[in-house]
């Protein structure tokens, strides 16, 4: 019997851990290269107009959005400032003219409503600052006293700078209270307003060379007050005169630009029921 052939020598065994580490490194390197190439290809695939939009239109669009936000913010703040005056004066004029509520009661009702609006503003601010609205405190200690003080000031005082003569200033308290509040409020926003005439007598028309008007609202009416004032328009910018017209009409007053003894704006408060 033949002796069996000797077994072939065994091949050296490679360490699996070493082989696995080399393969992982190679795969990571290939994957990194592939991702980089795909990213470059994708970036070059973007159409030219889109890329220009990102570089050129982007800042322009951002600036446009900034201006739009700023304008909206200014309009919002202006609305917050103007709205209480509209409620106070415009509300009182509407109650007086349309609902025929006595002037002082109409002013009282609109004053309370305006104070309520200011309370809503103040309570919201307090809520953000302290976490508590404190509505009652804002209404009784801040909003209502502010409205009372403001109405008292506008009803009793008009600077001599804003009147043509001392006689006009002396007759200021004979003007209807709602017209006084509106007039003094207008002076807050336009310091150059000048009242040229308030109360008149029949002799005044003869002195000015004008025909007498028996139904003139410059005469004391059934309410006991004068319902019209004249405002200077000469020497003022056109936009300022137009702004006065818009302001008084917005609040429910009548305006008429005409020439009497001089070019002026006639502002009047129609009696109740007189549309």
C-alpha atoms as a PDB file:
ATOM      1  CA  UNK A   1       0.000   0.000   0.000  1.00  0.00           C
ATOM      2  CA  UNK A   2       1.180   3.478  -0.999  1.00  0.00           C
ATOM      3  CA  UNK A   3       1.771   5.916   1.715  1.00  0.00           C
ATOM      4  CA  UNK A   4      -0.632   8.805   1.577  1.00  0.00           C
ATOM      5  CA  UNK A   5       0.646  12.115   0.236  1.00  0.00           C
ATOM      6  CA  UNK A   6       1.454  14.705   2.801  1.00  0.00           C
ATOM      7  CA  UNK A   7      -1.244  17.381   3.307  1.00  0.00           C
ATOM      8  CA  UNK A   8      -0.610  20.769   1.577  1.00  0.00           C
ATOM      9  CA  UNK A   9       0.581  23.495   3.888  1.00  0.00           C
ATOM     10  CA  UNK A  10      -2.206  25.656   5.312  1.00  0.00           C
ATOM     11  CA  UNK A  11      -2.558  29.221   3.985  1.00  0.00           C
ATOM     12  CA  UNK A  12      -1.904  31.994   6.464  1.00  0.00           C
ATOM     13  CA  UNK A  13      -5.066  33.243   8.058  1.00  0.00           C
ATOM     14  CA  UNK A  14      -5.706  36.988   7.633  1.00  0.00           C
ATOM     15  CA  UNK A  15      -6.984  38.937  10.540  1.00  0.00           C
ATOM     16  CA  UNK A  16     -10.649  39.820   9.860  1.00  0.00           C
ATOM     17  CA  UNK A  17     -10.441  42.965  11.902  1.00  0.00           C
ATOM     18  CA  UNK A  18      -7.577  44.311   9.858  1.00  0.00           C
ATOM     19  CA  UNK A  19      -9.315  43.531   6.556  1.00  0.00           C
ATOM     20  CA  UNK A  20     -12.559  45.087   7.787  1.00  0.00           C
ATOM     21  CA  UNK A  21     -10.824  48.332   8.850  1.00  0.00           C
ATOM     22  CA  UNK A  22      -9.221  48.774   5.432  1.00  0.00           C
ATOM     23  CA  UNK A  23     -12.503  48.153   3.619  1.00  0.00           C
ATOM     24  CA  UNK A  24     -14.386  50.681   5.793  1.00  0.00           C
ATOM     25  CA  UNK A  25     -11.754  53.356   5.164  1.00  0.00           C
ATOM     26  CA  UNK A  26     -11.909  52.733   1.428  1.00  0.00           C
ATOM     27  CA  UNK A  27     -15.711  52.864   1.359  1.00  0.00           C
ATOM     28  CA  UNK A  28     -15.829  56.106   3.377  1.00  0.00           C
ATOM     29  CA  UNK A  29     -13.343  57.697   1.052  1.00  0.00           C
ATOM     30  CA  UNK A  30     -15.313  56.620  -2.024  1.00  0.00           C
ATOM     31  CA  UNK A  31     -18.596  57.803  -0.475  1.00  0.00           C
ATOM     32  CA  UNK A  32     -17.115  61.208   0.381  1.00  0.00           C
ATOM     33  CA  UNK A  33     -15.870  61.632  -3.165  1.00  0.00           C
ATOM     34  CA  UNK A  34     -19.256  60.619  -4.587  1.00  0.00           C
ATOM     35  CA  UNK A  35     -21.191  63.059  -2.366  1.00  0.00           C
ATOM     36  CA  UNK A  36     -18.850  65.908  -3.272  1.00  0.00           C
ATOM     37  CA  UNK A  37     -19.260  65.253  -6.983  1.00  0.00           C
ATOM     38  CA  UNK A  38     -23.047  65.013  -6.716  1.00  0.00           C
ATOM     39  CA  UNK A  39     -23.204  68.308  -4.777  1.00  0.00           C
ATOM     40  CA  UNK A  40     -21.127  70.062  -7.415  1.00  0.00           C
ATOM     41  CA  UNK A  41     -23.263  68.627 -10.195  1.00  0.00           C
ATOM     42  CA  UNK A  42     -26.467  69.739  -8.450  1.00  0.00           C
ATOM     43  CA  UNK A  43     -25.174  73.263  -7.914  1.00  0.00           C
ATOM     44  CA  UNK A  44     -24.184  73.591 -11.572  1.00  0.00           C
ATOM     45  CA  UNK A  45     -27.584  72.242 -12.612  1.00  0.00           C
ATOM     46  CA  UNK A  46     -29.420  75.289 -11.097  1.00  0.00           C
ATOM     47  CA  UNK A  47     -30.720  77.477 -13.965  1.00  0.00           C
ATOM     48  CA  UNK A  48     -28.928  80.783 -14.411  1.00  0.00           C
ATOM     49  CA  UNK A  49     -32.026  83.030 -13.827  1.00  0.00           C
ATOM     50  CA  UNK A  50     -32.689  81.350 -10.495  1.00  0.00           C
ATOM     51  CA  UNK A  51     -29.116  81.842  -9.358  1.00  0.00           C
ATOM     52  CA  UNK A  52     -29.280  85.478 -10.354  1.00  0.00           C
ATOM     53  CA  UNK A  53     -32.490  85.817  -8.401  1.00  0.00           C
ATOM     54  CA  UNK A  54     -30.765  84.518  -5.321  1.00  0.00           C
ATOM     55  CA  UNK A  55     -27.840  86.892  -5.653  1.00  0.00           C
ATOM     56  CA  UNK A  56     -29.504  89.997  -7.111  1.00  0.00           C
ATOM     57  CA  UNK A  57     -33.227  89.886  -6.258  1.00  0.00           C
ATOM     58  CA  UNK A  58     -32.752  88.508  -2.778  1.00  0.00           C
ATOM     59  CA  UNK A  59     -31.377  91.684  -1.132  1.00  0.00           C
ATOM     60  CA  UNK A  60     -33.789  93.829  -3.149  1.00  0.00           C
ATOM     61  CA  UNK A  61     -36.727  91.705  -1.992  1.00  0.00           C
ATOM     62  CA  UNK A  62     -35.434  91.868   1.565  1.00  0.00           C
ATOM     63  CA  UNK A  63     -35.234  95.680   1.436  1.00  0.00           C
ATOM     64  CA  UNK A  64     -38.733  95.862  -0.015  1.00  0.00           C
ATOM     65  CA  UNK A  65     -40.033  93.634   2.790  1.00  0.00           C
ATOM     66  CA  UNK A  66     -38.299  95.830   5.392  1.00  0.00           C
ATOM     67  CA  UNK A  67     -39.900  99.013   4.038  1.00  0.00           C
ATOM     68  CA  UNK A  68     -43.298  97.332   3.909  1.00  0.00           C
ATOM     69  CA  UNK A  69     -42.973  96.232   7.528  1.00  0.00           C
ATOM     70  CA  UNK A  70     -41.899  99.728   8.568  1.00  0.00           C
ATOM     71  CA  UNK A  71     -44.845 101.353   6.767  1.00  0.00           C
ATOM     72  CA  UNK A  72     -47.310  98.928   8.345  1.00  0.00           C
ATOM     73  CA  UNK A  73     -45.805  99.640  11.760  1.00  0.00           C
ATOM     74  CA  UNK A  74     -46.139 103.416  11.293  1.00  0.00           C
ATOM     75  CA  UNK A  75     -49.740 103.043  10.095  1.00  0.00           C
ATOM     76  CA  UNK A  76     -50.552 100.864  13.090  1.00  0.00           C
ATOM     77  CA  UNK A  77     -49.080 103.346  15.564  1.00  0.00           C
ATOM     78  CA  UNK A  78     -50.875 106.231  13.834  1.00  0.00           C
ATOM     79  CA  UNK A  79     -54.112 104.291  14.102  1.00  0.00           C
ATOM     80  CA  UNK A  80     -53.606 103.767  17.820  1.00  0.00           C
ATOM     81  CA  UNK A  81     -52.975 107.489  18.294  1.00  0.00           C
ATOM     82  CA  UNK A  82     -55.813 108.764  16.088  1.00  0.00           C
ATOM     83  CA  UNK A  83     -58.549 106.318  17.114  1.00  0.00           C
ATOM     84  CA  UNK A  84     -59.147 107.753  20.628  1.00  0.00           C
ATOM     85  CA  UNK A  85     -59.666 111.233  19.128  1.00  0.00           C
ATOM     86  CA  UNK A  86     -62.096 109.836  16.559  1.00  0.00           C
ATOM     87  CA  UNK A  87     -64.070 108.099  19.301  1.00  0.00           C
ATOM     88  CA  UNK A  88     -64.050 111.163  21.568  1.00  0.00           C
ATOM     89  CA  UNK A  89     -64.890 113.888  19.033  1.00  0.00           C
ATOM     90  CA  UNK A  90     -66.434 112.017  16.123  1.00  0.00           C
ATOM     91  CA  UNK A  91     -68.546 109.925  18.479  1.00  0.00           C
ATOM     92  CA  UNK A  92     -69.850 112.997  20.300  1.00  0.00           C
ATOM     93  CA  UNK A  93     -70.671 114.777  17.019  1.00  0.00           C
ATOM     94  CA  UNK A  94     -72.552 111.711  15.770  1.00  0.00           C
ATOM     95  CA  UNK A  95     -74.532 111.416  19.018  1.00  0.00           C
ATOM     96  CA  UNK A  96     -75.372 115.124  18.896  1.00  0.00           C
ATOM     97  CA  UNK A  97     -76.250 115.478  15.220  1.00  0.00           C
ATOM     98  CA  UNK A  98     -77.803 112.106  14.412  1.00  0.00           C
ATOM     99  CA  UNK A  99     -79.199 110.933  17.744  1.00  0.00           C
ATOM    100  CA  UNK A 100     -80.107 114.457  18.945  1.00  0.00           C
ATOM    101  CA  UNK A 101     -78.485 113.832  22.324  1.00  0.00           C
ATOM    102  CA  UNK A 102     -77.656 117.058  24.209  1.00  0.00           C
ATOM    103  CA  UNK A 103     -74.097 118.196  23.524  1.00  0.00           C
ATOM    104  CA  UNK A 104     -72.746 117.809  27.072  1.00  0.00           C
ATOM    105  CA  UNK A 105     -74.273 114.339  27.462  1.00  0.00           C
ATOM    106  CA  UNK A 106     -72.931 113.336  24.056  1.00  0.00           C
ATOM    107  CA  UNK A 107     -69.463 114.484  25.088  1.00  0.00           C
ATOM    108  CA  UNK A 108     -69.764 112.566  28.365  1.00  0.00           C
ATOM    109  CA  UNK A 109     -70.724 109.330  26.608  1.00  0.00           C
ATOM    110  CA  UNK A 110     -67.980 109.601  24.008  1.00  0.00           C
ATOM    111  CA  UNK A 111     -65.495 110.524  26.744  1.00  0.00           C
ATOM    112  CA  UNK A 112     -66.285 107.328  28.645  1.00  0.00           C
ATOM    113  CA  UNK A 113     -65.916 105.310  25.437  1.00  0.00           C
ATOM    114  CA  UNK A 114     -62.572 106.955  24.675  1.00  0.00           C
ATOM    115  CA  UNK A 115     -61.419 106.242  28.231  1.00  0.00           C
ATOM    116  CA  UNK A 116     -62.419 102.614  27.732  1.00  0.00           C
ATOM    117  CA  UNK A 117     -60.326 102.462  24.580  1.00  0.00           C
ATOM    118  CA  UNK A 118     -57.319 103.959  26.374  1.00  0.00           C
ATOM    119  CA  UNK A 119     -57.883 101.447  29.175  1.00  0.00           C
ATOM    120  CA  UNK A 120     -57.638  98.604  26.661  1.00  0.00           C
ATOM    121  CA  UNK A 121     -54.339 100.044  25.433  1.00  0.00           C
ATOM    122  CA  UNK A 122     -52.976 100.515  28.946  1.00  0.00           C
ATOM    123  CA  UNK A 123     -54.121  97.114  30.202  1.00  0.00           C
ATOM    124  CA  UNK A 124     -52.388  95.410  27.313  1.00  0.00           C
ATOM    125  CA  UNK A 125     -49.147  97.247  28.050  1.00  0.00           C
ATOM    126  CA  UNK A 126     -49.392  96.377  31.765  1.00  0.00           C
ATOM    127  CA  UNK A 127     -50.035  92.753  30.880  1.00  0.00           C
ATOM    128  CA  UNK A 128     -46.838  92.589  28.872  1.00  0.00           C
ATOM    129  CA  UNK A 129     -44.728  94.433  31.438  1.00  0.00           C
ATOM    130  CA  UNK A 130     -46.014  92.967  34.712  1.00  0.00           C
ATOM    131  CA  UNK A 131     -48.071  89.949  33.679  1.00  0.00           C
ATOM    132  CA  UNK A 132     -51.232  91.557  35.129  1.00  0.00           C
ATOM    133  CA  UNK A 133     -53.697  93.736  33.201  1.00  0.00           C
ATOM    134  CA  UNK A 134     -54.794  95.948  36.160  1.00  0.00           C
ATOM    135  CA  UNK A 135     -57.789  97.169  34.145  1.00  0.00           C
ATOM    136  CA  UNK A 136     -59.539  98.940  37.003  1.00  0.00           C
ATOM    137  CA  UNK A 137     -56.424 100.837  38.009  1.00  0.00           C
ATOM    138  CA  UNK A 138     -55.733 101.939  34.410  1.00  0.00           C
ATOM    139  CA  UNK A 139     -59.329 103.137  33.925  1.00  0.00           C
ATOM    140  CA  UNK A 140     -59.818 105.023  37.203  1.00  0.00           C
ATOM    141  CA  UNK A 141     -56.291 106.374  37.745  1.00  0.00           C
ATOM    142  CA  UNK A 142     -55.044 106.959  34.216  1.00  0.00           C
ATOM    143  CA  UNK A 143     -57.504 106.844  31.306  1.00  0.00           C
ATOM    144  CA  UNK A 144     -60.526 108.610  32.802  1.00  0.00           C
ATOM    145  CA  UNK A 145     -58.547 111.453  34.470  1.00  0.00           C
ATOM    146  CA  UNK A 146     -56.634 111.958  31.214  1.00  0.00           C
ATOM    147  CA  UNK A 147     -59.866 112.344  29.225  1.00  0.00           C
ATOM    148  CA  UNK A 148     -61.343 114.720  31.814  1.00  0.00           C
ATOM    149  CA  UNK A 149     -58.220 116.874  31.863  1.00  0.00           C
ATOM    150  CA  UNK A 150     -57.970 116.917  28.069  1.00  0.00           C
ATOM    151  CA  UNK A 151     -61.602 117.914  27.566  1.00  0.00           C
ATOM    152  CA  UNK A 152     -61.323 120.620  30.209  1.00  0.00           C
ATOM    153  CA  UNK A 153     -58.211 122.027  28.577  1.00  0.00           C
ATOM    154  CA  UNK A 154     -59.646 122.068  25.043  1.00  0.00           C
ATOM    155  CA  UNK A 155     -62.957 123.564  26.204  1.00  0.00           C
ATOM    156  CA  UNK A 156     -61.457 126.483  28.097  1.00  0.00           C
ATOM    157  CA  UNK A 157     -58.174 127.418  26.465  1.00  0.00           C
ATOM    158  CA  UNK A 158     -57.031 128.584  23.042  1.00  0.00           C
ATOM    159  CA  UNK A 159     -53.692 130.307  22.684  1.00  0.00           C
ATOM    160  CA  UNK A 160     -53.559 133.874  21.447  1.00  0.00           C
ATOM    161  CA  UNK A 161     -51.068 132.639  18.851  1.00  0.00           C
ATOM    162  CA  UNK A 162     -53.927 130.713  17.262  1.00  0.00           C
ATOM    163  CA  UNK A 163     -56.387 133.618  17.158  1.00  0.00           C
ATOM    164  CA  UNK A 164     -56.397 136.617  14.866  1.00  0.00           C
ATOM    165  CA  UNK A 165     -57.442 139.124  17.541  1.00  0.00           C
ATOM    166  CA  UNK A 166     -57.993 139.206  21.275  1.00  0.00           C
ATOM    167  CA  UNK A 167     -61.708 139.623  20.621  1.00  0.00           C
ATOM    168  CA  UNK A 168     -61.814 136.301  18.792  1.00  0.00           C
ATOM    169  CA  UNK A 169     -60.024 134.646  21.702  1.00  0.00           C
ATOM    170  CA  UNK A 170     -62.442 136.253  24.170  1.00  0.00           C
ATOM    171  CA  UNK A 171     -65.418 134.776  22.316  1.00  0.00           C
ATOM    172  CA  UNK A 172     -63.877 131.294  22.246  1.00  0.00           C
ATOM    173  CA  UNK A 173     -66.051 129.948  25.067  1.00  0.00           C
ATOM    174  CA  UNK A 174     -69.202 130.986  23.173  1.00  0.00           C
ATOM    175  CA  UNK A 175     -68.378 128.410  20.467  1.00  0.00           C
ATOM    176  CA  UNK A 176     -70.159 125.048  20.693  1.00  0.00           C
ATOM    177  CA  UNK A 177     -68.218 122.701  23.021  1.00  0.00           C
ATOM    178  CA  UNK A 178     -67.833 119.935  20.423  1.00  0.00           C
ATOM    179  CA  UNK A 179     -66.411 122.407  17.933  1.00  0.00           C
ATOM    180  CA  UNK A 180     -64.036 123.718  20.606  1.00  0.00           C
ATOM    181  CA  UNK A 181     -62.694 120.242  21.380  1.00  0.00           C
ATOM    182  CA  UNK A 182     -62.196 119.540  17.672  1.00  0.00           C
ATOM    183  CA  UNK A 183     -60.529 122.894  17.078  1.00  0.00           C
ATOM    184  CA  UNK A 184     -58.075 122.614  19.968  1.00  0.00           C
ATOM    185  CA  UNK A 185     -57.248 119.063  18.921  1.00  0.00           C
ATOM    186  CA  UNK A 186     -56.447 120.293  15.416  1.00  0.00           C
ATOM    187  CA  UNK A 187     -54.073 122.854  16.937  1.00  0.00           C
ATOM    188  CA  UNK A 188     -52.147 120.004  18.603  1.00  0.00           C
ATOM    189  CA  UNK A 189     -51.255 118.640  15.170  1.00  0.00           C
ATOM    190  CA  UNK A 190     -50.988 121.961  13.329  1.00  0.00           C
ATOM    191  CA  UNK A 191     -49.588 124.801  15.426  1.00  0.00           C
ATOM    192  CA  UNK A 192     -50.043 127.322  12.601  1.00  0.00           C
ATOM    193  CA  UNK A 193     -53.852 127.245  12.659  1.00  0.00           C
ATOM    194  CA  UNK A 194     -55.329 130.725  13.152  1.00  0.00           C
ATOM    195  CA  UNK A 195     -58.993 131.339  13.991  1.00  0.00           C
ATOM    196  CA  UNK A 196     -60.037 134.538  12.248  1.00  0.00           C
ATOM    197  CA  UNK A 197     -63.679 134.724  13.338  1.00  0.00           C
ATOM    198  CA  UNK A 198     -66.140 133.055  15.692  1.00  0.00           C
ATOM    199  CA  UNK A 199     -69.171 134.975  16.974  1.00  0.00           C
ATOM    200  CA  UNK A 200     -70.718 137.701  14.835  1.00  0.00           C
ATOM    201  CA  UNK A 201     -73.387 140.391  15.149  1.00  0.00           C
ATOM    202  CA  UNK A 202     -75.495 141.850  12.351  1.00  0.00           C
ATOM    203  CA  UNK A 203     -73.386 145.007  12.440  1.00  0.00           C
ATOM    204  CA  UNK A 204     -70.297 142.952  11.649  1.00  0.00           C
ATOM    205  CA  UNK A 205     -71.603 142.145   8.169  1.00  0.00           C
ATOM    206  CA  UNK A 206     -72.138 145.813   7.392  1.00  0.00           C
ATOM    207  CA  UNK A 207     -68.640 146.589   8.637  1.00  0.00           C
ATOM    208  CA  UNK A 208     -67.196 143.897   6.349  1.00  0.00           C
ATOM    209  CA  UNK A 209     -69.277 145.088   3.397  1.00  0.00           C
ATOM    210  CA  UNK A 210     -71.264 141.849   3.213  1.00  0.00           C
ATOM    211  CA  UNK A 211     -75.022 141.253   3.061  1.00  0.00           C
ATOM    212  CA  UNK A 212     -76.430 140.146   6.436  1.00  0.00           C
ATOM    213  CA  UNK A 213     -77.229 136.448   6.819  1.00  0.00           C
ATOM    214  CA  UNK A 214     -80.014 135.825   9.299  1.00  0.00           C
ATOM    215  CA  UNK A 215     -79.359 132.070   9.340  1.00  0.00           C
ATOM    216  CA  UNK A 216     -75.601 132.336   9.820  1.00  0.00           C
ATOM    217  CA  UNK A 217     -74.165 129.741  12.209  1.00  0.00           C
ATOM    218  CA  UNK A 218     -71.845 132.481  13.483  1.00  0.00           C
ATOM    219  CA  UNK A 219     -74.859 133.726  15.449  1.00  0.00           C
ATOM    220  CA  UNK A 220     -75.807 131.983  18.722  1.00  0.00           C
ATOM    221  CA  UNK A 221     -78.146 129.093  17.918  1.00  0.00           C
ATOM    222  CA  UNK A 222     -80.896 127.414  19.932  1.00  0.00           C
ATOM    223  CA  UNK A 223     -78.207 125.548  21.854  1.00  0.00           C
ATOM    224  CA  UNK A 224     -76.941 128.917  23.129  1.00  0.00           C
ATOM    225  CA  UNK A 225     -73.605 128.495  21.325  1.00  0.00           C
ATOM    226  CA  UNK A 226     -72.051 129.670  18.092  1.00  0.00           C
ATOM    227  CA  UNK A 227     -71.829 126.772  15.624  1.00  0.00           C
ATOM    228  CA  UNK A 228     -69.174 128.074  13.214  1.00  0.00           C
ATOM    229  CA  UNK A 229     -65.600 129.339  13.096  1.00  0.00           C
ATOM    230  CA  UNK A 230     -63.426 130.685  10.284  1.00  0.00           C
ATOM    231  CA  UNK A 231     -59.848 129.530   9.817  1.00  0.00           C
ATOM    232  CA  UNK A 232     -57.088 131.323   7.929  1.00  0.00           C
ATOM    233  CA  UNK A 233     -55.989 129.755   4.647  1.00  0.00           C
ATOM    234  CA  UNK A 234     -53.848 132.559   3.179  1.00  0.00           C
ATOM    235  CA  UNK A 235     -50.114 131.975   3.491  1.00  0.00           C
ATOM    236  CA  UNK A 236     -50.505 128.268   4.268  1.00  0.00           C
ATOM    237  CA  UNK A 237     -49.461 125.315   2.157  1.00  0.00           C
ATOM    238  CA  UNK A 238     -52.205 123.834   0.059  1.00  0.00           C
ATOM    239  CA  UNK A 239     -51.813 120.377   1.595  1.00  0.00           C
ATOM    240  CA  UNK A 240     -52.264 121.851   5.073  1.00  0.00           C
ATOM    241  CA  UNK A 241     -55.543 123.492   4.116  1.00  0.00           C
ATOM    242  CA  UNK A 242     -56.705 120.274   2.498  1.00  0.00           C
ATOM    243  CA  UNK A 243     -55.688 118.297   5.579  1.00  0.00           C
ATOM    244  CA  UNK A 244     -57.891 120.569   7.711  1.00  0.00           C
ATOM    245  CA  UNK A 245     -60.836 119.895   5.412  1.00  0.00           C
ATOM    246  CA  UNK A 246     -60.310 116.131   5.659  1.00  0.00           C
ATOM    247  CA  UNK A 247     -59.894 116.292   9.436  1.00  0.00           C
ATOM    248  CA  UNK A 248     -63.092 118.224  10.172  1.00  0.00           C
ATOM    249  CA  UNK A 249     -65.189 116.281   7.683  1.00  0.00           C
ATOM    250  CA  UNK A 250     -63.936 112.996   9.094  1.00  0.00           C
ATOM    251  CA  UNK A 251     -65.231 114.044  12.504  1.00  0.00           C
ATOM    252  CA  UNK A 252     -68.663 115.041  11.174  1.00  0.00           C
ATOM    253  CA  UNK A 253     -68.324 118.811  10.722  1.00  0.00           C
ATOM    254  CA  UNK A 254     -69.120 120.820   7.622  1.00  0.00           C
ATOM    255  CA  UNK A 255     -66.469 122.791   5.765  1.00  0.00           C
ATOM    256  CA  UNK A 256     -66.750 125.459   3.093  1.00  0.00           C
ATOM    257  CA  UNK A 257     -63.878 127.282   1.423  1.00  0.00           C
ATOM    258  CA  UNK A 258     -65.115 130.680   0.320  1.00  0.00           C
ATOM    259  CA  UNK A 259     -64.159 134.318  -0.014  1.00  0.00           C
ATOM    260  CA  UNK A 260     -65.832 136.836   2.227  1.00  0.00           C
ATOM    261  CA  UNK A 261     -63.743 139.598   3.675  1.00  0.00           C
ATOM    262  CA  UNK A 262     -60.783 137.295   2.953  1.00  0.00           C
ATOM    263  CA  UNK A 263     -60.119 133.773   1.739  1.00  0.00           C
ATOM    264  CA  UNK A 264     -60.826 131.389   4.646  1.00  0.00           C
ATOM    265  CA  UNK A 265     -62.170 127.974   5.603  1.00  0.00           C
ATOM    266  CA  UNK A 266     -65.607 128.017   7.185  1.00  0.00           C
ATOM    267  CA  UNK A 267     -66.104 125.141   9.661  1.00  0.00           C
ATOM    268  CA  UNK A 268     -69.543 124.561  11.152  1.00  0.00           C
ATOM    269  CA  UNK A 269     -71.494 122.098  13.258  1.00  0.00           C
ATOM    270  CA  UNK A 270     -74.973 121.475  11.891  1.00  0.00           C
ATOM    271  CA  UNK A 271     -77.784 121.408  14.480  1.00  0.00           C
ATOM    272  CA  UNK A 272     -79.471 118.045  15.218  1.00  0.00           C
ATOM    273  CA  UNK A 273     -81.650 116.823  12.375  1.00  0.00           C
ATOM    274  CA  UNK A 274     -79.994 119.167   9.887  1.00  0.00           C
ATOM    275  CA  UNK A 275     -78.184 116.859   7.487  1.00  0.00           C
END
